[in-house]
PDB file of N, CA and C in Angstrom:
ATOM      1  N   MET A   1      55.364 -31.714  19.990  1.00  0.00           N
ATOM      2  CA  MET A   1      54.609 -30.844  20.972  1.00  0.00           C
ATOM      3  C   MET A   1      55.055 -31.267  22.527  1.00  0.00           C
ATOM      4  N   LYS A   2      55.337 -30.309  23.190  1.00  0.00           N
ATOM      5  CA  LYS A   2      55.522 -30.411  24.684  1.00  0.00           C
ATOM      6  C   LYS A   2      54.283 -30.039  25.417  1.00  0.00           C
ATOM      7  N   THR A   3      54.033 -30.816  26.462  1.00  0.00           N
ATOM      8  CA  THR A   3      52.896 -30.602  27.491  1.00  0.00           C
ATOM      9  C   THR A   3      53.382 -30.981  28.801  1.00  0.00           C
ATOM     10  N   PRO A   4      53.135 -29.857  29.742  1.00  0.00           N
ATOM     11  CA  PRO A   4      53.603 -29.912  30.975  1.00  0.00           C
ATOM     12  C   PRO A   4      52.916 -31.132  31.726  1.00  0.00           C
ATOM     13  N   LEU A   5      53.752 -31.843  32.675  1.00  0.00           N
ATOM     14  CA  LEU A   5      53.255 -33.003  33.438  1.00  0.00           C
ATOM     15  C   LEU A   5      52.056 -32.615  34.243  1.00  0.00           C
ATOM     16  N   THR A   6      51.930 -31.424  34.898  1.00  0.00           N
ATOM     17  CA  THR A   6      51.002 -31.015  35.724  1.00  0.00           C
ATOM     18  C   THR A   6      49.562 -30.840  34.858  1.00  0.00           C
ATOM     19  N   LYS A   7      49.774 -30.527  33.672  1.00  0.00           N
ATOM     20  CA  LYS A   7      48.521 -30.456  32.797  1.00  0.00           C
ATOM     21  C   LYS A   7      48.120 -31.704  32.333  1.00  0.00           C
ATOM     22  N   LEU A   8      48.930 -32.490  32.165  1.00  0.00           N
ATOM     23  CA  LEU A   8      48.617 -34.122  31.826  1.00  0.00           C
ATOM     24  C   LEU A   8      47.967 -34.811  32.881  1.00  0.00           C
ATOM     25  N   GLU A   9      48.437 -34.433  34.146  1.00  0.00           N
ATOM     26  CA  GLU A   9      47.685 -35.096  35.239  1.00  0.00           C
ATOM     27  C   GLU A   9      46.165 -34.899  35.362  1.00  0.00           C
ATOM     28  N   LYS A  10      45.766 -33.774  34.650  1.00  0.00           N
ATOM     29  CA  LYS A  10      44.338 -33.285  34.799  1.00  0.00           C
ATOM     30  C   LYS A  10      43.500 -33.977  33.699  1.00  0.00           C
ATOM     31  N   TYR A  11      44.051 -34.573  32.617  1.00  0.00           N
ATOM     32  CA  TYR A  11      43.386 -35.392  31.780  1.00  0.00           C
ATOM     33  C   TYR A  11      42.750 -36.528  32.415  1.00  0.00           C
ATOM     34  N   PHE A  12      41.419 -36.834  31.915  1.00  0.00           N
ATOM     35  CA  PHE A  12      40.831 -38.134  32.251  1.00  0.00           C
ATOM     36  C   PHE A  12      41.300 -39.357  31.755  1.00  0.00           C
ATOM     37  N   VAL A  13      41.800 -39.249  30.455  1.00  0.00           N
ATOM     38  CA  VAL A  13      42.349 -40.501  29.922  1.00  0.00           C
ATOM     39  C   VAL A  13      43.413 -40.316  28.829  1.00  0.00           C
ATOM     40  N   ILE A  14      44.565 -40.859  29.137  1.00  0.00           N
ATOM     41  CA  ILE A  14      45.588 -40.802  28.055  1.00  0.00           C
ATOM     42  C   ILE A  14      45.698 -42.211  27.348  1.00  0.00           C
ATOM     43  N   ASP A  15      45.634 -42.169  26.083  1.00  0.00           N
ATOM     44  CA  ASP A  15      45.546 -43.368  25.382  1.00  0.00           C
ATOM     45  C   ASP A  15      46.701 -44.221  25.604  1.00  0.00           C
ATOM     46  N   LYS A  16      47.984 -43.673  25.532  1.00  0.00           N
ATOM     47  CA  LYS A  16      49.278 -44.499  25.812  1.00  0.00           C
ATOM     48  C   LYS A  16      50.313 -43.550  26.350  1.00  0.00           C
ATOM     49  N   LEU A  17      51.071 -44.123  27.289  1.00  0.00           N
ATOM     50  CA  LEU A  17      52.155 -43.493  27.957  1.00  0.00           C
ATOM     51  C   LEU A  17      53.345 -44.376  27.401  1.00  0.00           C
ATOM     52  N   ILE A  18      54.283 -43.542  26.773  1.00  0.00           N
ATOM     53  CA  ILE A  18      55.468 -44.131  26.166  1.00  0.00           C
ATOM     54  C   ILE A  18      56.744 -43.628  26.872  1.00  0.00           C
ATOM     55  N   ILE A  19      57.394 -44.718  27.516  1.00  0.00           N
ATOM     56  CA  ILE A  19      58.568 -44.397  28.128  1.00  0.00           C
ATOM     57  C   ILE A  19      59.830 -44.626  26.909  1.00  0.00           C
ATOM     58  N   HIS A  20      60.481 -43.679  26.576  1.00  0.00           N
ATOM     59  CA  HIS A  20      61.484 -43.977  25.572  1.00  0.00           C
ATOM     60  C   HIS A  20      62.785 -44.159  26.358  1.00  0.00           C
ATOM     61  N   SER A  21      63.503 -45.343  25.890  1.00  0.00           N
ATOM     62  CA  SER A  21      64.754 -45.733  26.487  1.00  0.00           C
ATOM     63  C   SER A  21      65.680 -45.049  25.210  1.00  0.00           C
ATOM     64  N   LEU A  22      66.311 -43.956  25.796  1.00  0.00           N
ATOM     65  CA  LEU A  22      67.302 -43.197  24.929  1.00  0.00           C
ATOM     66  C   LEU A  22      68.664 -43.721  24.939  1.00  0.00           C
ATOM     67  N   ASP A  23      69.197 -44.143  26.152  1.00  0.00           N
ATOM     68  CA  ASP A  23      70.465 -44.665  26.157  1.00  0.00           C
ATOM     69  C   ASP A  23      70.581 -45.585  27.260  1.00  0.00           C
ATOM     70  N   LEU A  24      71.616 -46.083  27.744  1.00  0.00           N
ATOM     71  CA  LEU A  24      71.699 -47.145  28.854  1.00  0.00           C
ATOM     72  C   LEU A  24      71.037 -46.773  29.974  1.00  0.00           C
ATOM     73  N   CYS A  25      70.984 -45.637  30.446  1.00  0.00           N
ATOM     74  CA  CYS A  25      70.312 -45.004  31.586  1.00  0.00           C
ATOM     75  C   CYS A  25      69.871 -43.801  31.512  1.00  0.00           C
ATOM     76  N   LEU A  26      68.981 -43.607  30.365  1.00  0.00           N
ATOM     77  CA  LEU A  26      68.443 -42.210  30.227  1.00  0.00           C
ATOM     78  C   LEU A  26      66.920 -42.609  29.531  1.00  0.00           C
ATOM     79  N   TYR A  27      65.933 -42.055  30.231  1.00  0.00           N
ATOM     80  CA  TYR A  27      64.740 -42.289  29.831  1.00  0.00           C
ATOM     81  C   TYR A  27      63.780 -40.945  29.652  1.00  0.00           C
ATOM     82  N   GLN A  28      62.967 -40.974  28.754  1.00  0.00           N
ATOM     83  CA  GLN A  28      62.041 -39.677  28.442  1.00  0.00           C
ATOM     84  C   GLN A  28      60.755 -40.229  28.154  1.00  0.00           C
ATOM     85  N   ALA A  29      59.758 -39.371  28.508  1.00  0.00           N
ATOM     86  CA  ALA A  29      58.319 -39.795  28.424  1.00  0.00           C
ATOM     87  C   ALA A  29      57.602 -38.903  27.312  1.00  0.00           C
ATOM     88  N   SER A  30      56.533 -39.702  26.695  1.00  0.00           N
ATOM     89  CA  SER A  30      55.689 -39.192  25.814  1.00  0.00           C
ATOM     90  C   SER A  30      54.393 -39.653  26.106  1.00  0.00           C
ATOM     91  N   VAL A  31      53.129 -39.080  25.641  1.00  0.00           N
ATOM     92  CA  VAL A  31      51.972 -39.572  25.705  1.00  0.00           C
ATOM     93  C   VAL A  31      51.212 -39.362  24.383  1.00  0.00           C
ATOM     94  N   ILE A  32      50.266 -40.358  24.100  1.00  0.00           N
ATOM     95  CA  ILE A  32      49.388 -40.269  23.046  1.00  0.00           C
ATOM     96  C   ILE A  32      48.046 -39.775  23.421  1.00  0.00           C
ATOM     97  N   ILE A  33      47.533 -38.679  22.876  1.00  0.00           N
ATOM     98  CA  ILE A  33      46.207 -38.169  23.309  1.00  0.00           C
ATOM     99  C   ILE A  33      45.526 -37.953  22.055  1.00  0.00           C
ATOM    100  N   ASP A  34      44.349 -38.525  21.958  1.00  0.00           N
ATOM    101  CA  ASP A  34      43.569 -38.311  20.668  1.00  0.00           C
ATOM    102  C   ASP A  34      44.412 -38.460  19.378  1.00  0.00           C
ATOM    103  N   GLY A  35      45.199 -39.576  19.249  1.00  0.00           N
ATOM    104  CA  GLY A  35      46.099 -39.741  18.207  1.00  0.00           C
ATOM    105  C   GLY A  35      47.416 -38.958  17.987  1.00  0.00           C
ATOM    106  N   GLU A  36      47.407 -37.900  18.788  1.00  0.00           N
ATOM    107  CA  GLU A  36      48.639 -36.912  18.661  1.00  0.00           C
ATOM    108  C   GLU A  36      49.655 -37.166  19.813  1.00  0.00           C
ATOM    109  N   GLU A  37      50.945 -37.167  19.610  1.00  0.00           N
ATOM    110  CA  GLU A  37      51.947 -37.412  20.628  1.00  0.00           C
ATOM    111  C   GLU A  37      52.327 -36.039  21.089  1.00  0.00           C
ATOM    112  N   HIS A  38      52.400 -36.201  22.389  1.00  0.00           N
ATOM    113  CA  HIS A  38      53.036 -34.920  23.195  1.00  0.00           C
ATOM    114  C   HIS A  38      54.044 -35.458  24.162  1.00  0.00           C
ATOM    115  N   PHE A  39      55.244 -34.721  24.070  1.00  0.00           N
ATOM    116  CA  PHE A  39      56.389 -35.087  24.859  1.00  0.00           C
ATOM    117  C   PHE A  39      55.957 -34.412  26.457  1.00  0.00           C
ATOM    118  N   VAL A  40      56.436 -35.146  27.499  1.00  0.00           N
ATOM    119  CA  VAL A  40      56.208 -34.774  28.836  1.00  0.00           C
ATOM    120  C   VAL A  40      57.175 -33.821  29.190  1.00  0.00           C
ATOM    121  N   CYS A  41      56.897 -32.620  29.744  1.00  0.00           N
ATOM    122  CA  CYS A  41      57.950 -31.672  30.271  1.00  0.00           C
ATOM    123  C   CYS A  41      57.586 -31.219  31.494  1.00  0.00           C
ATOM    124  N   TYR A  42      58.527 -30.548  32.292  1.00  0.00           N
ATOM    125  CA  TYR A  42      58.312 -29.941  33.442  1.00  0.00           C
ATOM    126  C   TYR A  42      57.541 -28.548  33.210  1.00  0.00           C
ATOM    127  N   ASP A  43      57.192 -27.878  34.239  1.00  0.00           N
ATOM    128  CA  ASP A  43      56.474 -26.660  33.900  1.00  0.00           C
ATOM    129  C   ASP A  43      57.525 -25.518  33.335  1.00  0.00           C
ATOM    130  N   ASP A  44      58.647 -25.589  33.678  1.00  0.00           N
ATOM    131  CA  ASP A  44      59.660 -24.783  32.930  1.00  0.00           C
ATOM    132  C   ASP A  44      60.088 -25.093  31.467  1.00  0.00           C
ATOM    133  N   SER A  45      59.220 -26.055  30.886  1.00  0.00           N
ATOM    134  CA  SER A  45      59.489 -26.543  29.398  1.00  0.00           C
ATOM    135  C   SER A  45      60.730 -27.560  29.214  1.00  0.00           C
ATOM    136  N   ASN A  46      61.318 -27.919  30.230  1.00  0.00           N
ATOM    137  CA  ASN A  46      62.488 -28.901  30.093  1.00  0.00           C
ATOM    138  C   ASN A  46      61.721 -30.253  30.113  1.00  0.00           C
ATOM    139  N   PHE A  47      62.343 -31.166  29.325  1.00  0.00           N
ATOM    140  CA  PHE A  47      61.780 -32.410  29.027  1.00  0.00           C
ATOM    141  C   PHE A  47      61.981 -33.218  30.355  1.00  0.00           C
ATOM    142  N   LEU A  48      61.022 -34.124  30.502  1.00  0.00           N
ATOM    143  CA  LEU A  48      60.994 -34.885  31.767  1.00  0.00           C
ATOM    144  C   LEU A  48      61.914 -35.982  31.354  1.00  0.00           C
ATOM    145  N   ARG A  49      63.196 -36.165  31.934  1.00  0.00           N
ATOM    146  CA  ARG A  49      64.279 -37.186  31.778  1.00  0.00           C
ATOM    147  C   ARG A  49      64.525 -37.665  32.978  1.00  0.00           C
ATOM    148  N   THR A  50      64.862 -38.970  33.116  1.00  0.00           N
ATOM    149  CA  THR A  50      65.403 -39.485  34.288  1.00  0.00           C
ATOM    150  C   THR A  50      66.420 -40.562  34.003  1.00  0.00           C
ATOM    151  N   HIS A  51      67.233 -40.967  35.014  1.00  0.00           N
ATOM    152  CA  HIS A  51      68.209 -41.966  34.843  1.00  0.00           C
ATOM    153  C   HIS A  51      67.891 -43.465  35.237  1.00  0.00           C
ATOM    154  N   SER A  52      66.679 -43.528  35.568  1.00  0.00           N
ATOM    155  CA  SER A  52      66.240 -44.982  35.915  1.00  0.00           C
ATOM    156  C   SER A  52      64.752 -45.096  35.437  1.00  0.00           C
ATOM    157  N   LEU A  53      64.332 -46.159  35.142  1.00  0.00           N
ATOM    158  CA  LEU A  53      63.010 -46.714  34.770  1.00  0.00           C
ATOM    159  C   LEU A  53      61.992 -46.408  35.974  1.00  0.00           C
ATOM    160  N   ILE A  54      62.503 -46.832  37.092  1.00  0.00           N
ATOM    161  CA  ILE A  54      61.531 -46.726  38.262  1.00  0.00           C
ATOM    162  C   ILE A  54      61.359 -45.073  38.660  1.00  0.00           C
ATOM    163  N   GLU A  55      62.331 -44.251  38.444  1.00  0.00           N
ATOM    164  CA  GLU A  55      62.244 -42.997  38.710  1.00  0.00           C
ATOM    165  C   GLU A  55      61.312 -42.342  37.670  1.00  0.00           C
ATOM    166  N   ILE A  56      61.191 -42.706  36.404  1.00  0.00           N
ATOM    167  CA  ILE A  56      60.324 -42.106  35.363  1.00  0.00           C
ATOM    168  C   ILE A  56      58.822 -42.694  35.739  1.00  0.00           C
ATOM    169  N   GLN A  57      58.722 -43.934  36.151  1.00  0.00           N
ATOM    170  CA  GLN A  57      57.425 -44.275  36.504  1.00  0.00           C
ATOM    171  C   GLN A  57      56.789 -43.557  37.683  1.00  0.00           C
ATOM    172  N   LYS A  58      57.719 -43.176  38.651  1.00  0.00           N
ATOM    173  CA  LYS A  58      57.242 -42.487  39.782  1.00  0.00           C
ATOM    174  C   LYS A  58      56.860 -41.247  39.430  1.00  0.00           C
ATOM    175  N   CYS A  59      57.523 -40.452  38.457  1.00  0.00           N
ATOM    176  CA  CYS A  59      57.093 -39.171  37.990  1.00  0.00           C
ATOM    177  C   CYS A  59      55.796 -39.132  37.324  1.00  0.00           C
ATOM    178  N   CYS A  60      55.464 -40.319  36.561  1.00  0.00           N
ATOM    179  CA  CYS A  60      54.208 -40.445  35.817  1.00  0.00           C
ATOM    180  C   CYS A  60      53.205 -41.203  36.543  1.00  0.00           C
ATOM    181  N   LYS A  61      53.331 -41.541  37.948  1.00  0.00           N
ATOM    182  CA  LYS A  61      52.367 -42.122  38.649  1.00  0.00           C
ATOM    183  C   LYS A  61      50.947 -41.770  38.672  1.00  0.00           C
ATOM    184  N   ASN A  62      50.897 -40.632  38.363  1.00  0.00           N
ATOM    185  CA  ASN A  62      49.501 -39.778  38.482  1.00  0.00           C
ATOM    186  C   ASN A  62      48.829 -39.645  37.125  1.00  0.00           C
ATOM    187  N   LEU A  63      49.485 -40.016  36.105  1.00  0.00           N
ATOM    188  CA  LEU A  63      48.768 -40.055  34.843  1.00  0.00           C
ATOM    189  C   LEU A  63      47.956 -41.268  34.517  1.00  0.00           C
ATOM    190  N   LYS A  64      46.637 -41.000  34.077  1.00  0.00           N
ATOM    191  CA  LYS A  64      45.768 -42.029  33.981  1.00  0.00           C
ATOM    192  C   LYS A  64      45.782 -42.586  32.559  1.00  0.00           C
ATOM    193  N   ALA A  65      46.665 -43.493  32.269  1.00  0.00           N
ATOM    194  CA  ALA A  65      46.917 -44.092  30.814  1.00  0.00           C
ATOM    195  C   ALA A  65      46.344 -45.378  30.729  1.00  0.00           C
ATOM    196  N   LYS A  66      45.607 -45.529  29.569  1.00  0.00           N
ATOM    197  CA  LYS A  66      45.053 -46.876  29.198  1.00  0.00           C
ATOM    198  C   LYS A  66      46.176 -47.965  29.012  1.00  0.00           C
ATOM    199  N   GLU A  67      47.306 -47.517  28.499  1.00  0.00           N
ATOM    200  CA  GLU A  67      48.338 -48.418  28.110  1.00  0.00           C
ATOM    201  C   GLU A  67      49.737 -47.847  28.491  1.00  0.00           C
ATOM    202  N   THR A  68      50.623 -48.490  28.789  1.00  0.00           N
ATOM    203  CA  THR A  68      52.049 -47.902  29.121  1.00  0.00           C
ATOM    204  C   THR A  68      53.100 -49.044  28.396  1.00  0.00           C
ATOM    205  N   VAL A  69      53.971 -48.279  27.669  1.00  0.00           N
ATOM    206  CA  VAL A  69      55.065 -49.265  27.007  1.00  0.00           C
ATOM    207  C   VAL A  69      56.186 -48.785  27.037  1.00  0.00           C
ATOM    208  N   LEU A  70      57.306 -49.583  27.008  1.00  0.00           N
ATOM    209  CA  LEU A  70      58.756 -49.142  26.977  1.00  0.00           C
ATOM    210  C   LEU A  70      59.114 -49.117  25.425  1.00  0.00           C
ATOM    211  N   ARG A  71      59.752 -48.091  25.015  1.00  0.00           N
ATOM    212  CA  ARG A  71      59.978 -48.103  23.387  1.00  0.00           C
ATOM    213  C   ARG A  71      61.450 -47.907  23.272  1.00  0.00           C
ATOM    214  N   GLN A  72      62.087 -48.737  22.514  1.00  0.00           N
ATOM    215  CA  GLN A  72      63.454 -48.792  22.196  1.00  0.00           C
ATOM    216  C   GLN A  72      63.649 -48.661  20.650  1.00  0.00           C
ATOM    217  N   GLU A  73      64.491 -47.676  20.206  1.00  0.00           N
ATOM    218  CA  GLU A  73      64.779 -47.566  18.814  1.00  0.00           C
ATOM    219  C   GLU A  73      66.319 -47.855  18.615  1.00  0.00           C
ATOM    220  N   SER A  74      66.533 -48.761  17.900  1.00  0.00           N
ATOM    221  CA  SER A  74      67.970 -48.989  17.560  1.00  0.00           C
ATOM    222  C   SER A  74      68.691 -48.265  16.382  1.00  0.00           C
ATOM    223  N   ALA A  75      69.856 -47.888  16.747  1.00  0.00           N
ATOM    224  CA  ALA A  75      70.756 -47.121  15.771  1.00  0.00           C
ATOM    225  C   ALA A  75      71.543 -48.095  14.902  1.00  0.00           C
ATOM    226  N   TYR A  76      71.354 -49.365  14.966  1.00  0.00           N
ATOM    227  CA  TYR A  76      72.094 -50.275  14.291  1.00  0.00           C
ATOM    228  C   TYR A  76      72.291 -50.120  12.890  1.00  0.00           C
ATOM    229  N   ASP A  77      71.274 -49.952  12.130  1.00  0.00           N
ATOM    230  CA  ASP A  77      71.154 -49.788  10.557  1.00  0.00           C
ATOM    231  C   ASP A  77      72.085 -48.575  10.437  1.00  0.00           C
ATOM    232  N   GLU A  78      71.939 -47.484  11.060  1.00  0.00           N
ATOM    233  CA  GLU A  78      72.837 -46.411  10.797  1.00  0.00           C
ATOM    234  C   GLU A  78      74.375 -46.528  10.969  1.00  0.00           C
ATOM    235  N   MET A  79      74.425 -47.267  12.078  1.00  0.00           N
ATOM    236  CA  MET A  79      75.864 -47.480  12.477  1.00  0.00           C
ATOM    237  C   MET A  79      76.661 -48.358  11.524  1.00  0.00           C
ATOM    238  N   VAL A  80      75.983 -49.303  10.898  1.00  0.00           N
ATOM    239  CA  VAL A  80      76.712 -50.276   9.966  1.00  0.00           C
ATOM    240  C   VAL A  80      76.547 -49.707   8.546  1.00  0.00           C
ATOM    241  N   GLY A  81      76.042 -48.566   8.324  1.00  0.00           N
ATOM    242  CA  GLY A  81      75.852 -48.009   6.917  1.00  0.00           C
ATOM    243  C   GLY A  81      74.929 -48.492   6.135  1.00  0.00           C
ATOM    244  N   ALA A  82      73.967 -49.252   6.687  1.00  0.00           N
ATOM    245  CA  ALA A  82      72.944 -49.913   6.003  1.00  0.00           C
ATOM    246  C   ALA A  82      71.853 -48.634   5.390  1.00  0.00           C
ATOM    247  N   PRO A  83      71.347 -48.762   4.170  1.00  0.00           N
ATOM    248  CA  PRO A  83      70.516 -47.691   3.594  1.00  0.00           C
ATOM    249  C   PRO A  83      69.374 -47.389   4.599  1.00  0.00           C
ATOM    250  N   ALA A  84      68.811 -46.217   4.645  1.00  0.00           N
ATOM    251  CA  ALA A  84      67.619 -45.745   5.315  1.00  0.00           C
ATOM    252  C   ALA A  84      66.416 -46.491   4.909  1.00  0.00           C
ATOM    253  N   LYS A  85      65.501 -47.020   5.906  1.00  0.00           N
ATOM    254  CA  LYS A  85      64.296 -47.537   5.666  1.00  0.00           C
ATOM    255  C   LYS A  85      63.202 -46.777   5.865  1.00  0.00           C
ATOM    256  N   GLY A  86      62.147 -46.852   5.153  1.00  0.00           N
ATOM    257  CA  GLY A  86      61.022 -46.032   5.365  1.00  0.00           C
ATOM    258  C   GLY A  86      60.249 -46.333   6.577  1.00  0.00           C
ATOM    259  N   GLU A  87      60.543 -47.438   7.270  1.00  0.00           N
ATOM    260  CA  GLU A  87      59.727 -47.836   8.456  1.00  0.00           C
ATOM    261  C   GLU A  87      60.611 -47.754   9.717  1.00  0.00           C
ATOM    262  N   THR A  88      59.998 -47.553  10.688  1.00  0.00           N
ATOM    263  CA  THR A  88      60.895 -47.513  12.019  1.00  0.00           C
ATOM    264  C   THR A  88      61.170 -49.070  12.543  1.00  0.00           C
ATOM    265  N   ASN A  89      62.252 -48.968  13.199  1.00  0.00           N
ATOM    266  CA  ASN A  89      62.715 -50.317  13.950  1.00  0.00           C
ATOM    267  C   ASN A  89      62.379 -50.367  15.305  1.00  0.00           C
ATOM    268  N   ALA A  90      61.482 -49.456  15.826  1.00  0.00           N
ATOM    269  CA  ALA A  90      61.077 -49.420  17.208  1.00  0.00           C
ATOM    270  C   ALA A  90      60.546 -50.593  17.828  1.00  0.00           C
ATOM    271  N   LEU A  91      60.941 -50.851  18.930  1.00  0.00           N
ATOM    272  CA  LEU A  91      60.370 -52.162  19.750  1.00  0.00           C
ATOM    273  C   LEU A  91      59.719 -51.608  20.899  1.00  0.00           C
ATOM    274  N   GLU A  92      58.360 -51.938  21.047  1.00  0.00           N
ATOM    275  CA  GLU A  92      57.671 -51.619  22.267  1.00  0.00           C
ATOM    276  C   GLU A  92      57.238 -52.731  22.967  1.00  0.00           C
ATOM    277  N   VAL A  93      57.427 -52.578  24.372  1.00  0.00           N
ATOM    278  CA  VAL A  93      57.172 -53.706  25.167  1.00  0.00           C
ATOM    279  C   VAL A  93      56.185 -53.225  26.191  1.00  0.00           C
ATOM    280  N   PRO A  94      55.122 -54.006  26.419  1.00  0.00           N
ATOM    281  CA  PRO A  94      54.082 -53.426  27.531  1.00  0.00           C
ATOM    282  C   PRO A  94      54.779 -53.464  28.790  1.00  0.00           C
ATOM    283  N   LEU A  95      54.532 -52.363  29.538  1.00  0.00           N
ATOM    284  CA  LEU A  95      55.007 -52.090  30.795  1.00  0.00           C
ATOM    285  C   LEU A  95      53.994 -52.012  31.989  1.00  0.00           C
ATOM    286  N   LYS A  96      54.237 -52.478  33.234  1.00  0.00           N
ATOM    287  CA  LYS A  96      53.343 -52.365  34.209  1.00  0.00           C
ATOM    288  C   LYS A  96      54.155 -51.641  35.365  1.00  0.00           C
ATOM    289  N   ASP A  97      53.373 -50.787  36.112  1.00  0.00           N
ATOM    290  CA  ASP A  97      53.924 -50.008  37.189  1.00  0.00           C
ATOM    291  C   ASP A  97      53.802 -50.934  38.293  1.00  0.00           C
ATOM    292  N   CYS A  98      54.971 -51.393  38.929  1.00  0.00           N
ATOM    293  CA  CYS A  98      54.881 -52.256  39.982  1.00  0.00           C
ATOM    294  C   CYS A  98      54.876 -51.538  41.331  1.00  0.00           C
ATOM    295  N   GLY A  99      55.089 -50.071  41.352  1.00  0.00           N
ATOM    296  CA  GLY A  99      55.173 -49.314  42.535  1.00  0.00           C
ATOM    297  C   GLY A  99      56.336 -49.664  43.356  1.00  0.00           C
ATOM    298  N   LEU A 100      57.516 -49.741  42.799  1.00  0.00           N
ATOM    299  CA  LEU A 100      58.633 -50.086  43.464  1.00  0.00           C
ATOM    300  C   LEU A 100      59.427 -48.739  44.126  1.00  0.00           C
ATOM    301  N   TYR A 101      58.719 -47.732  43.982  1.00  0.00           N
ATOM    302  CA  TYR A 101      59.318 -46.387  44.535  1.00  0.00           C
ATOM    303  C   TYR A 101      58.817 -46.134  45.873  1.00  0.00           C
TER     304      TYR A 101
END
């Protein structure tokens, strides 16, 4: 589900802000609200994507999140031809906005 950034800024509390590391320099954001994941988009429905971690933190600075994490999912198993696993191999690292923008 996509939700515009301007609408998310009006929520009082977001349970978790997830910054997805998609590639070497490509980041995308999603949020968890009441147990449901929403991908952050602009008002024109395009996904919020940036080429730096600091830039995406700047875009999300007005979101009131209880927790912020950086999520990395590896395609290693798929690349080496390993069988598909039922569980995810996502790594989540707690992240703090240091205001470097």
